Amino acid sequence: MRDLMVMSHLALSAGGQTLVEMARCGLPSVSVAVSDNQVAHAEGFAKCGTTVCAGYVSDPALLRTIGDALERCNSVEVRSTMSSRGPKLIDGSGPRRIAAAVMAHFS
């Protein structure tokens, strides 16, 4: 999946863990929360500028908001900015930092 992400210019995705993976790969996205636990996640990544959150899957206007979100991402400059923010947000070293903190706590 990583290879597809790094070759792509934009993705449409659910608002779950894939947003983390896309951010790490520098792949801008339009996201849709498909469950309640994805709302804050998708909105948080939107605030960080790596995705445009199009809303919740049950929204009657979802197709319109997805279209609006895709239109916002039409610009190469916008996608480039979104792309550069992802790897700064997700550096891939989080598990090491967590392990080190746990080990330090119990040492």
PDB file of N, CA and C in Angstrom:
ATOM      1  N   MET A   1       0.819  -1.185   0.000  1.00  0.00           N
ATOM      2  CA  MET A   1       0.000   0.000   0.000  1.00  0.00           C
ATOM      3  C   MET A   1       0.870   1.259   0.000  1.00  0.00           C
ATOM      4  N   ARG A   2       1.998   1.202   0.694  1.00  0.00           N
ATOM      5  CA  ARG A   2       2.889   2.357   0.738  1.00  0.00           C
ATOM      6  C   ARG A   2       3.291   2.794  -0.658  1.00  0.00           C
ATOM      7  N   ASP A   3       3.618   1.845  -1.515  1.00  0.00           N
ATOM      8  CA  ASP A   3       4.040   2.187  -2.879  1.00  0.00           C
ATOM      9  C   ASP A   3       2.945   2.955  -3.622  1.00  0.00           C
ATOM     10  N   LEU A   4       1.691   2.538  -3.445  1.00  0.00           N
ATOM     11  CA  LEU A   4       0.578   3.251  -4.076  1.00  0.00           C
ATOM     12  C   LEU A   4       0.441   4.660  -3.492  1.00  0.00           C
ATOM     13  N   MET A   5       0.626   4.763  -2.182  1.00  0.00           N
ATOM     14  CA  MET A   5       0.479   6.062  -1.537  1.00  0.00           C
ATOM     15  C   MET A   5       1.528   7.055  -2.009  1.00  0.00           C
ATOM     16  N   VAL A   6       2.771   6.624  -2.126  1.00  0.00           N
ATOM     17  CA  VAL A   6       3.821   7.570  -2.510  1.00  0.00           C
ATOM     18  C   VAL A   6       3.742   7.936  -3.996  1.00  0.00           C
ATOM     19  N   MET A   7       3.066   7.127  -4.804  1.00  0.00           N
ATOM     20  CA  MET A   7       2.910   7.427  -6.225  1.00  0.00           C
ATOM     21  C   MET A   7       1.684   8.285  -6.514  1.00  0.00           C
ATOM     22  N   SER A   8       0.780   8.397  -5.537  1.00  0.00           N
ATOM     23  CA  SER A   8      -0.499   9.073  -5.764  1.00  0.00           C
ATOM     24  C   SER A   8      -0.411  10.563  -5.456  1.00  0.00           C
ATOM     25  N   HIS A   9      -1.346  11.314  -6.029  1.00  0.00           N
ATOM     26  CA  HIS A   9      -1.405  12.757  -5.821  1.00  0.00           C
ATOM     27  C   HIS A   9      -2.479  13.150  -4.819  1.00  0.00           C
ATOM     28  N   LEU A  10      -3.514  12.301  -4.663  1.00  0.00           N
ATOM     29  CA  LEU A  10      -4.628  12.595  -3.765  1.00  0.00           C
ATOM     30  C   LEU A  10      -5.396  11.309  -3.529  1.00  0.00           C
ATOM     31  N   ALA A  11      -5.928  11.160  -2.308  1.00  0.00           N
ATOM     32  CA  ALA A  11      -6.717   9.970  -1.984  1.00  0.00           C
ATOM     33  C   ALA A  11      -8.048  10.380  -1.369  1.00  0.00           C
ATOM     34  N   LEU A  12      -9.042   9.534  -1.551  1.00  0.00           N
ATOM     35  CA  LEU A  12     -10.316   9.632  -0.861  1.00  0.00           C
ATOM     36  C   LEU A  12     -10.352   8.461   0.100  1.00  0.00           C
ATOM     37  N   SER A  13     -10.517   8.738   1.399  1.00  0.00           N
ATOM     38  CA  SER A  13     -10.362   7.690   2.392  1.00  0.00           C
ATOM     39  C   SER A  13     -11.349   7.845   3.528  1.00  0.00           C
ATOM     40  N   ALA A  14     -11.564   6.755   4.240  1.00  0.00           N
ATOM     41  CA  ALA A  14     -12.276   6.833   5.511  1.00  0.00           C
ATOM     42  C   ALA A  14     -11.373   7.562   6.507  1.00  0.00           C
ATOM     43  N   GLY A  15     -11.927   7.947   7.628  1.00  0.00           N
ATOM     44  CA  GLY A  15     -11.193   8.773   8.577  1.00  0.00           C
ATOM     45  C   GLY A  15     -10.466   8.015   9.663  1.00  0.00           C
ATOM     46  N   GLY A  16     -10.069   6.788   9.413  1.00  0.00           N
ATOM     47  CA  GLY A  16      -9.411   5.991  10.431  1.00  0.00           C
ATOM     48  C   GLY A  16      -7.894   6.001  10.340  1.00  0.00           C
ATOM     49  N   GLN A  17      -7.303   4.880  10.674  1.00  0.00           N
ATOM     50  CA  GLN A  17      -5.853   4.723  10.750  1.00  0.00           C
ATOM     51  C   GLN A  17      -5.155   5.038   9.431  1.00  0.00           C
ATOM     52  N   THR A  18      -5.820   4.848   8.328  1.00  0.00           N
ATOM     53  CA  THR A  18      -5.206   5.133   7.031  1.00  0.00           C
ATOM     54  C   THR A  18      -4.775   6.591   6.922  1.00  0.00           C
ATOM     55  N   LEU A  19      -5.441   7.498   7.635  1.00  0.00           N
ATOM     56  CA  LEU A  19      -5.016   8.898   7.618  1.00  0.00           C
ATOM     57  C   LEU A  19      -3.597   9.056   8.170  1.00  0.00           C
ATOM     58  N   VAL A  20      -3.254   8.254   9.158  1.00  0.00           N
ATOM     59  CA  VAL A  20      -1.897   8.282   9.707  1.00  0.00           C
ATOM     60  C   VAL A  20      -0.904   7.811   8.649  1.00  0.00           C
ATOM     61  N   GLU A  21      -1.231   6.718   7.994  1.00  0.00           N
ATOM     62  CA  GLU A  21      -0.344   6.146   6.984  1.00  0.00           C
ATOM     63  C   GLU A  21      -0.168   7.101   5.800  1.00  0.00           C
ATOM     64  N   MET A  22      -1.274   7.713   5.373  1.00  0.00           N
ATOM     65  CA  MET A  22      -1.173   8.653   4.255  1.00  0.00           C
ATOM     66  C   MET A  22      -0.365   9.888   4.647  1.00  0.00           C
ATOM     67  N   ALA A  23      -0.558  10.373   5.859  1.00  0.00           N
ATOM     68  CA  ALA A  23       0.221  11.527   6.320  1.00  0.00           C
ATOM     69  C   ALA A  23       1.703  11.195   6.313  1.00  0.00           C
ATOM     70  N   ARG A  24       2.067  10.032   6.811  1.00  0.00           N
ATOM     71  CA  ARG A  24       3.479   9.621   6.835  1.00  0.00           C
ATOM     72  C   ARG A  24       4.067   9.575   5.425  1.00  0.00           C
ATOM     73  N   CYS A  25       3.265   9.141   4.463  1.00  0.00           N
ATOM     74  CA  CYS A  25       3.722   9.035   3.066  1.00  0.00           C
ATOM     75  C   CYS A  25       3.617  10.363   2.319  1.00  0.00           C
ATOM     76  N   GLY A  26       3.058  11.384   2.946  1.00  0.00           N
ATOM     77  CA  GLY A  26       2.903  12.674   2.276  1.00  0.00           C
ATOM     78  C   GLY A  26       1.793  12.696   1.247  1.00  0.00           C
ATOM     79  N   LEU A  27       0.789  11.854   1.447  1.00  0.00           N
ATOM     80  CA  LEU A  27      -0.329  11.776   0.503  1.00  0.00           C
ATOM     81  C   LEU A  27      -1.502  12.614   1.008  1.00  0.00           C
ATOM     82  N   PRO A  28      -1.809  13.732   0.359  1.00  0.00           N
ATOM     83  CA  PRO A  28      -2.977  14.521   0.754  1.00  0.00           C
ATOM     84  C   PRO A  28      -4.255  13.732   0.514  1.00  0.00           C
ATOM     85  N   SER A  29      -5.290  14.076   1.287  1.00  0.00           N
ATOM     86  CA  SER A  29      -6.513  13.289   1.156  1.00  0.00           C
ATOM     87  C   SER A  29      -7.761  14.110   1.434  1.00  0.00           C
ATOM     88  N   VAL A  30      -8.858  13.525   0.995  1.00  0.00           N
ATOM     89  CA  VAL A  30     -10.199  13.936   1.393  1.00  0.00           C
ATOM     90  C   VAL A  30     -10.709  12.763   2.219  1.00  0.00           C
ATOM     91  N   SER A  31     -11.183  13.056   3.424  1.00  0.00           N
ATOM     92  CA  SER A  31     -11.588  11.965   4.303  1.00  0.00           C
ATOM     93  C   SER A  31     -13.060  12.063   4.671  1.00  0.00           C
ATOM     94  N   VAL A  32     -13.629  10.883   4.954  1.00  0.00           N
ATOM     95  CA  VAL A  32     -15.023  10.756   5.375  1.00  0.00           C
ATOM     96  C   VAL A  32     -15.038   9.885   6.627  1.00  0.00           C
ATOM     97  N   ALA A  33     -15.635  10.388   7.687  1.00  0.00           N
ATOM     98  CA  ALA A  33     -15.784   9.578   8.895  1.00  0.00           C
ATOM     99  C   ALA A  33     -16.886   8.548   8.648  1.00  0.00           C
ATOM    100  N   VAL A  34     -16.544   7.282   8.775  1.00  0.00           N
ATOM    101  CA  VAL A  34     -17.530   6.224   8.529  1.00  0.00           C
ATOM    102  C   VAL A  34     -18.018   5.582   9.825  1.00  0.00           C
ATOM    103  N   SER A  35     -17.472   6.016  10.956  1.00  0.00           N
ATOM    104  CA  SER A  35     -17.959   5.584  12.265  1.00  0.00           C
ATOM    105  C   SER A  35     -17.731   6.719  13.251  1.00  0.00           C
ATOM    106  N   ASP A  36     -18.424   6.652  14.378  1.00  0.00           N
ATOM    107  CA  ASP A  36     -18.341   7.736  15.351  1.00  0.00           C
ATOM    108  C   ASP A  36     -16.913   7.978  15.839  1.00  0.00           C
ATOM    109  N   ASN A  37     -16.132   6.909  15.979  1.00  0.00           N
ATOM    110  CA  ASN A  37     -14.775   7.079  16.506  1.00  0.00           C
ATOM    111  C   ASN A  37     -13.817   7.694  15.480  1.00  0.00           C
ATOM    112  N   GLN A  38     -14.266   7.931  14.275  1.00  0.00           N
ATOM    113  CA  GLN A  38     -13.411   8.542  13.254  1.00  0.00           C
ATOM    114  C   GLN A  38     -13.629  10.046  13.111  1.00  0.00           C
ATOM    115  N   VAL A  39     -14.673  10.574  13.719  1.00  0.00           N
ATOM    116  CA  VAL A  39     -14.999  11.992  13.547  1.00  0.00           C
ATOM    117  C   VAL A  39     -13.861  12.872  14.061  1.00  0.00           C
ATOM    118  N   ALA A  40     -13.476  12.694  15.314  1.00  0.00           N
ATOM    119  CA  ALA A  40     -12.412  13.520  15.897  1.00  0.00           C
ATOM    120  C   ALA A  40     -11.084  13.288  15.178  1.00  0.00           C
ATOM    121  N   HIS A  41     -10.853  12.059  14.755  1.00  0.00           N
ATOM    122  CA  HIS A  41      -9.615  11.711  14.052  1.00  0.00           C
ATOM    123  C   HIS A  41      -9.522  12.468  12.732  1.00  0.00           C
ATOM    124  N   ALA A  42     -10.567  12.402  11.942  1.00  0.00           N
ATOM    125  CA  ALA A  42     -10.574  13.087  10.638  1.00  0.00           C
ATOM    126  C   ALA A  42     -10.519  14.604  10.820  1.00  0.00           C
ATOM    127  N   GLU A  43     -11.257  15.114  11.783  1.00  0.00           N
ATOM    128  CA  GLU A  43     -11.230  16.562  12.031  1.00  0.00           C
ATOM    129  C   GLU A  43      -9.860  17.008  12.532  1.00  0.00           C
ATOM    130  N   GLY A  44      -9.220  16.182  13.358  1.00  0.00           N
ATOM    131  CA  GLY A  44      -7.885  16.518  13.855  1.00  0.00           C
ATOM    132  C   GLY A  44      -6.850  16.586  12.746  1.00  0.00           C
ATOM    133  N   PHE A  45      -6.880  15.606  11.855  1.00  0.00           N
ATOM    134  CA  PHE A  45      -5.942  15.631  10.726  1.00  0.00           C
ATOM    135  C   PHE A  45      -6.262  16.792   9.787  1.00  0.00           C
ATOM    136  N   ALA A  46      -7.536  17.146   9.682  1.00  0.00           N
ATOM    137  CA  ALA A  46      -7.909  18.308   8.858  1.00  0.00           C
ATOM    138  C   ALA A  46      -7.326  19.584   9.468  1.00  0.00           C
ATOM    139  N   LYS A  47      -7.389  19.719  10.793  1.00  0.00           N
ATOM    140  CA  LYS A  47      -6.815  20.896  11.455  1.00  0.00           C
ATOM    141  C   LYS A  47      -5.307  20.967  11.250  1.00  0.00           C
ATOM    142  N   CYS A  48      -4.675  19.814  11.142  1.00  0.00           N
ATOM    143  CA  CYS A  48      -3.223  19.768  10.898  1.00  0.00           C
ATOM    144  C   CYS A  48      -2.884  20.004   9.431  1.00  0.00           C
ATOM    145  N   GLY A  49      -3.888  19.972   8.572  1.00  0.00           N
ATOM    146  CA  GLY A  49      -3.689  20.301   7.166  1.00  0.00           C
ATOM    147  C   GLY A  49      -3.261  19.164   6.266  1.00  0.00           C
ATOM    148  N   THR A  50      -3.472  17.911   6.689  1.00  0.00           N
ATOM    149  CA  THR A  50      -3.097  16.786   5.835  1.00  0.00           C
ATOM    150  C   THR A  50      -4.275  16.195   5.070  1.00  0.00           C
ATOM    151  N   THR A  51      -5.492  16.526   5.508  1.00  0.00           N
ATOM    152  CA  THR A  51      -6.699  16.033   4.849  1.00  0.00           C
ATOM    153  C   THR A  51      -7.750  17.131   4.852  1.00  0.00           C
ATOM    154  N   VAL A  52      -8.704  17.023   3.969  1.00  0.00           N
ATOM    155  CA  VAL A  52      -9.903  17.852   4.020  1.00  0.00           C
ATOM    156  C   VAL A  52     -11.017  16.905   4.452  1.00  0.00           C
ATOM    157  N   CYS A  53     -11.607  17.176   5.590  1.00  0.00           N
ATOM    158  CA  CYS A  53     -12.670  16.311   6.105  1.00  0.00           C
ATOM    159  C   CYS A  53     -13.981  16.681   5.426  1.00  0.00           C
ATOM    160  N   ALA A  54     -14.568  15.720   4.726  1.00  0.00           N
ATOM    161  CA  ALA A  54     -15.818  15.969   3.996  1.00  0.00           C
ATOM    162  C   ALA A  54     -17.042  15.670   4.840  1.00  0.00           C
ATOM    163  N   GLY A  55     -16.850  15.205   6.065  1.00  0.00           N
ATOM    164  CA  GLY A  55     -17.994  14.976   6.937  1.00  0.00           C
ATOM    165  C   GLY A  55     -18.203  13.520   7.286  1.00  0.00           C
ATOM    166  N   TYR A  56     -19.440  13.224   7.673  1.00  0.00           N
ATOM    167  CA  TYR A  56     -19.826  11.900   8.155  1.00  0.00           C
ATOM    168  C   TYR A  56     -20.580  11.142   7.074  1.00  0.00           C
ATOM    169  N   VAL A  57     -20.377   9.853   7.043  1.00  0.00           N
ATOM    170  CA  VAL A  57     -20.923   9.022   5.969  1.00  0.00           C
ATOM    171  C   VAL A  57     -22.450   9.110   5.849  1.00  0.00           C
ATOM    172  N   SER A  58     -23.147   9.372   6.941  1.00  0.00           N
ATOM    173  CA  SER A  58     -24.617   9.420   6.880  1.00  0.00           C
ATOM    174  C   SER A  58     -25.148  10.797   6.490  1.00  0.00           C
ATOM    175  N   ASP A  59     -24.287  11.756   6.268  1.00  0.00           N
ATOM    176  CA  ASP A  59     -24.715  13.106   5.887  1.00  0.00           C
ATOM    177  C   ASP A  59     -25.405  13.052   4.525  1.00  0.00           C
ATOM    178  N   PRO A  60     -26.640  13.525   4.430  1.00  0.00           N
ATOM    179  CA  PRO A  60     -27.356  13.497   3.150  1.00  0.00           C
ATOM    180  C   PRO A  60     -26.647  14.295   2.051  1.00  0.00           C
ATOM    181  N   ALA A  61     -25.854  15.266   2.436  1.00  0.00           N
ATOM    182  CA  ALA A  61     -25.143  16.102   1.455  1.00  0.00           C
ATOM    183  C   ALA A  61     -23.713  15.626   1.219  1.00  0.00           C
ATOM    184  N   LEU A  62     -23.415  14.396   1.593  1.00  0.00           N
ATOM    185  CA  LEU A  62     -22.040  13.907   1.532  1.00  0.00           C
ATOM    186  C   LEU A  62     -21.423  14.003   0.137  1.00  0.00           C
ATOM    187  N   LEU A  63     -22.143  13.616  -0.883  1.00  0.00           N
ATOM    188  CA  LEU A  63     -21.573  13.675  -2.233  1.00  0.00           C
ATOM    189  C   LEU A  63     -21.185  15.100  -2.614  1.00  0.00           C
ATOM    190  N   ARG A  64     -22.008  16.051  -2.226  1.00  0.00           N
ATOM    191  CA  ARG A  64     -21.692  17.453  -2.507  1.00  0.00           C
ATOM    192  C   ARG A  64     -20.463  17.888  -1.721  1.00  0.00           C
ATOM    193  N   THR A  65     -20.388  17.511  -0.433  1.00  0.00           N
ATOM    194  CA  THR A  65     -19.239  17.943   0.365  1.00  0.00           C
ATOM    195  C   THR A  65     -17.950  17.258  -0.082  1.00  0.00           C
ATOM    196  N   ILE A  66     -18.055  16.019  -0.551  1.00  0.00           N
ATOM    197  CA  ILE A  66     -16.868  15.364  -1.123  1.00  0.00           C
ATOM    198  C   ILE A  66     -16.438  16.117  -2.376  1.00  0.00           C
ATOM    199  N   GLY A  67     -17.397  16.459  -3.220  1.00  0.00           N
ATOM    200  CA  GLY A  67     -17.073  17.222  -4.428  1.00  0.00           C
ATOM    201  C   GLY A  67     -16.422  18.557  -4.101  1.00  0.00           C
ATOM    202  N   ASP A  68     -16.963  19.249  -3.098  1.00  0.00           N
ATOM    203  CA  ASP A  68     -16.371  20.525  -2.675  1.00  0.00           C
ATOM    204  C   ASP A  68     -14.955  20.320  -2.158  1.00  0.00           C
ATOM    205  N   ALA A  69     -14.763  19.264  -1.374  1.00  0.00           N
ATOM    206  CA  ALA A  69     -13.435  18.973  -0.823  1.00  0.00           C
ATOM    207  C   ALA A  69     -12.441  18.637  -1.932  1.00  0.00           C
ATOM    208  N   LEU A  70     -12.874  17.854  -2.898  1.00  0.00           N
ATOM    209  CA  LEU A  70     -11.993  17.528  -4.027  1.00  0.00           C
ATOM    210  C   LEU A  70     -11.637  18.782  -4.810  1.00  0.00           C
ATOM    211  N   GLU A  71     -12.603  19.679  -4.961  1.00  0.00           N
ATOM    212  CA  GLU A  71     -12.343  20.944  -5.655  1.00  0.00           C
ATOM    213  C   GLU A  71     -11.292  21.767  -4.904  1.00  0.00           C
ATOM    214  N   ARG A  72     -11.368  21.774  -3.571  1.00  0.00           N
ATOM    215  CA  ARG A  72     -10.361  22.497  -2.770  1.00  0.00           C
ATOM    216  C   ARG A  72      -8.962  21.930  -2.984  1.00  0.00           C
ATOM    217  N   CYS A  73      -8.886  20.653  -3.313  1.00  0.00           N
ATOM    218  CA  CYS A  73      -7.585  19.987  -3.507  1.00  0.00           C
ATOM    219  C   CYS A  73      -7.137  19.992  -4.957  1.00  0.00           C
ATOM    220  N   ASN A  74      -7.848  20.685  -5.809  1.00  0.00           N
ATOM    221  CA  ASN A  74      -7.535  20.692  -7.232  1.00  0.00           C
ATOM    222  C   ASN A  74      -6.192  21.352  -7.538  1.00  0.00           C
ATOM    223  N   SER A  75      -5.799  22.307  -6.721  1.00  0.00           N
ATOM    224  CA  SER A  75      -4.576  23.057  -6.938  1.00  0.00           C
ATOM    225  C   SER A  75      -3.335  22.244  -6.549  1.00  0.00           C
ATOM    226  N   VAL A  76      -2.340  22.252  -7.418  1.00  0.00           N
ATOM    227  CA  VAL A  76      -1.071  21.581  -7.117  1.00  0.00           C
ATOM    228  C   VAL A  76      -0.446  22.193  -5.866  1.00  0.00           C
ATOM    229  N   GLU A  77      -0.555  23.499  -5.704  1.00  0.00           N
ATOM    230  CA  GLU A  77       0.025  24.171  -4.547  1.00  0.00           C
ATOM    231  C   GLU A  77      -0.635  23.705  -3.252  1.00  0.00           C
ATOM    232  N   VAL A  78      -1.950  23.556  -3.255  1.00  0.00           N
ATOM    233  CA  VAL A  78      -2.667  23.090  -2.066  1.00  0.00           C
ATOM    234  C   VAL A  78      -2.229  21.669  -1.724  1.00  0.00           C
ATOM    235  N   ARG A  79      -2.197  20.801  -2.716  1.00  0.00           N
ATOM    236  CA  ARG A  79      -1.791  19.415  -2.462  1.00  0.00           C
ATOM    237  C   ARG A  79      -0.339  19.348  -1.990  1.00  0.00           C
ATOM    238  N   SER A  80       0.512  20.187  -2.553  1.00  0.00           N
ATOM    239  CA  SER A  80       1.912  20.203  -2.146  1.00  0.00           C
ATOM    240  C   SER A  80       2.055  20.615  -0.685  1.00  0.00           C
ATOM    241  N   THR A  81       1.300  21.617  -0.286  1.00  0.00           N
ATOM    242  CA  THR A  81       1.331  22.054   1.116  1.00  0.00           C
ATOM    243  C   THR A  81       0.832  20.943   2.034  1.00  0.00           C
ATOM    244  N   MET A  82      -0.280  20.321   1.660  1.00  0.00           N
ATOM    245  CA  MET A  82      -0.816  19.217   2.461  1.00  0.00           C
ATOM    246  C   MET A  82       0.192  18.085   2.538  1.00  0.00           C
ATOM    247  N   SER A  83       0.822  17.787   1.421  1.00  0.00           N
ATOM    248  CA  SER A  83       1.791  16.701   1.353  1.00  0.00           C
ATOM    249  C   SER A  83       2.984  16.949   2.274  1.00  0.00           C
ATOM    250  N   SER A  84       3.448  18.174   2.325  1.00  0.00           N
ATOM    251  CA  SER A  84       4.632  18.472   3.156  1.00  0.00           C
ATOM    252  C   SER A  84       4.316  18.427   4.643  1.00  0.00           C
ATOM    253  N   ARG A  85       3.078  18.632   5.018  1.00  0.00           N
ATOM    254  CA  ARG A  85       2.703  18.632   6.437  1.00  0.00           C
ATOM    255  C   ARG A  85       2.663  17.237   7.043  1.00  0.00           C
ATOM    256  N   GLY A  86       2.296  16.244   6.243  1.00  0.00           N
ATOM    257  CA  GLY A  86       2.133  14.887   6.765  1.00  0.00           C
ATOM    258  C   GLY A  86       3.371  14.301   7.405  1.00  0.00           C
ATOM    259  N   PRO A  87       4.503  14.246   6.693  1.00  0.00           N
ATOM    260  CA  PRO A  87       5.704  13.657   7.286  1.00  0.00           C
ATOM    261  C   PRO A  87       6.248  14.451   8.481  1.00  0.00           C
ATOM    262  N   LYS A  88       5.913  15.731   8.577  1.00  0.00           N
ATOM    263  CA  LYS A  88       6.312  16.504   9.755  1.00  0.00           C
ATOM    264  C   LYS A  88       5.462  16.113  10.965  1.00  0.00           C
ATOM    265  N   LEU A  89       4.226  15.730  10.700  1.00  0.00           N
ATOM    266  CA  LEU A  89       3.305  15.335  11.758  1.00  0.00           C
ATOM    267  C   LEU A  89       3.560  13.899  12.216  1.00  0.00           C
ATOM    268  N   ILE A  90       3.764  13.016  11.262  1.00  0.00           N
ATOM    269  CA  ILE A  90       3.972  11.596  11.542  1.00  0.00           C
ATOM    270  C   ILE A  90       5.371  11.237  11.056  1.00  0.00           C
ATOM    271  N   ASP A  91       6.313  11.123  11.982  1.00  0.00           N
ATOM    272  CA  ASP A  91       7.703  10.892  11.577  1.00  0.00           C
ATOM    273  C   ASP A  91       8.102   9.423  11.565  1.00  0.00           C
ATOM    274  N   GLY A  92       7.221   8.535  11.986  1.00  0.00           N
ATOM    275  CA  GLY A  92       7.519   7.111  11.969  1.00  0.00           C
ATOM    276  C   GLY A  92       8.270   6.622  13.199  1.00  0.00           C
ATOM    277  N   SER A  93       8.601   7.513  14.117  1.00  0.00           N
ATOM    278  CA  SER A  93       9.368   7.121  15.305  1.00  0.00           C
ATOM    279  C   SER A  93       8.524   7.061  16.569  1.00  0.00           C
ATOM    280  N   GLY A  94       7.243   7.231  16.444  1.00  0.00           N
ATOM    281  CA  GLY A  94       6.359   7.199  17.609  1.00  0.00           C
ATOM    282  C   GLY A  94       6.466   5.927  18.440  1.00  0.00           C
ATOM    283  N   PRO A  95       6.430   4.741  17.814  1.00  0.00           N
ATOM    284  CA  PRO A  95       6.549   3.515  18.616  1.00  0.00           C
ATOM    285  C   PRO A  95       7.848   3.449  19.418  1.00  0.00           C
ATOM    286  N   ARG A  96       8.943   3.911  18.843  1.00  0.00           N
ATOM    287  CA  ARG A  96      10.219   3.919  19.578  1.00  0.00           C
ATOM    288  C   ARG A  96      10.147   4.855  20.783  1.00  0.00           C
ATOM    289  N   ARG A  97       9.529   6.030  20.587  1.00  0.00           N
ATOM    290  CA  ARG A  97       9.404   6.973  21.698  1.00  0.00           C
ATOM    291  C   ARG A  97       8.509   6.414  22.795  1.00  0.00           C
ATOM    292  N   ILE A  98       7.440   5.745  22.417  1.00  0.00           N
ATOM    293  CA  ILE A  98       6.552   5.145  23.419  1.00  0.00           C
ATOM    294  C   ILE A  98       7.281   4.052  24.180  1.00  0.00           C
ATOM    295  N   ALA A  99       7.982   3.184  23.446  1.00  0.00           N
ATOM    296  CA  ALA A  99       8.738   2.103  24.109  1.00  0.00           C
ATOM    297  C   ALA A  99       9.786   2.665  25.067  1.00  0.00           C
ATOM    298  N   ALA A 100      10.478   3.710  24.632  1.00  0.00           N
ATOM    299  CA  ALA A 100      11.508   4.327  25.490  1.00  0.00           C
ATOM    300  C   ALA A 100      10.866   4.925  26.735  1.00  0.00           C
ATOM    301  N   ALA A 101       9.728   5.564  26.597  1.00  0.00           N
ATOM    302  CA  ALA A 101       9.049   6.154  27.748  1.00  0.00           C
ATOM    303  C   ALA A 101       8.580   5.076  28.722  1.00  0.00           C
ATOM    304  N   VAL A 102       8.045   3.978  28.196  1.00  0.00           N
ATOM    305  CA  VAL A 102       7.607   2.875  29.056  1.00  0.00           C
ATOM    306  C   VAL A 102       8.807   2.265  29.777  1.00  0.00           C
ATOM    307  N   MET A 103       9.871   2.026  29.041  1.00  0.00           N
ATOM    308  CA  MET A 103      11.088   1.445  29.651  1.00  0.00           C
ATOM    309  C   MET A 103      11.654   2.385  30.725  1.00  0.00           C
ATOM    310  N   ALA A 104      11.657   3.671  30.447  1.00  0.00           N
ATOM    311  CA  ALA A 104      12.184   4.642  31.424  1.00  0.00           C
ATOM    312  C   ALA A 104      11.307   4.663  32.680  1.00  0.00           C
ATOM    313  N   HIS A 105      10.018   4.526  32.480  1.00  0.00           N
ATOM    314  CA  HIS A 105       9.088   4.531  33.608  1.00  0.00           C
ATOM    315  C   HIS A 105       9.330   3.334  34.548  1.00  0.00           C
ATOM    316  N   PHE A 106       9.642   2.196  33.959  1.00  0.00           N
ATOM    317  CA  PHE A 106       9.819   0.982  34.760  1.00  0.00           C
ATOM    318  C   PHE A 106      11.277   0.696  35.112  1.00  0.00           C
ATOM    319  N   SER A 107      12.175   1.572  34.754  1.00  0.00           N
ATOM    320  CA  SER A 107      13.602   1.363  35.078  1.00  0.00           C
ATOM    321  C   SER A 107      13.952   1.993  36.397  1.00  0.00           C
TER     322      SER A 107
END
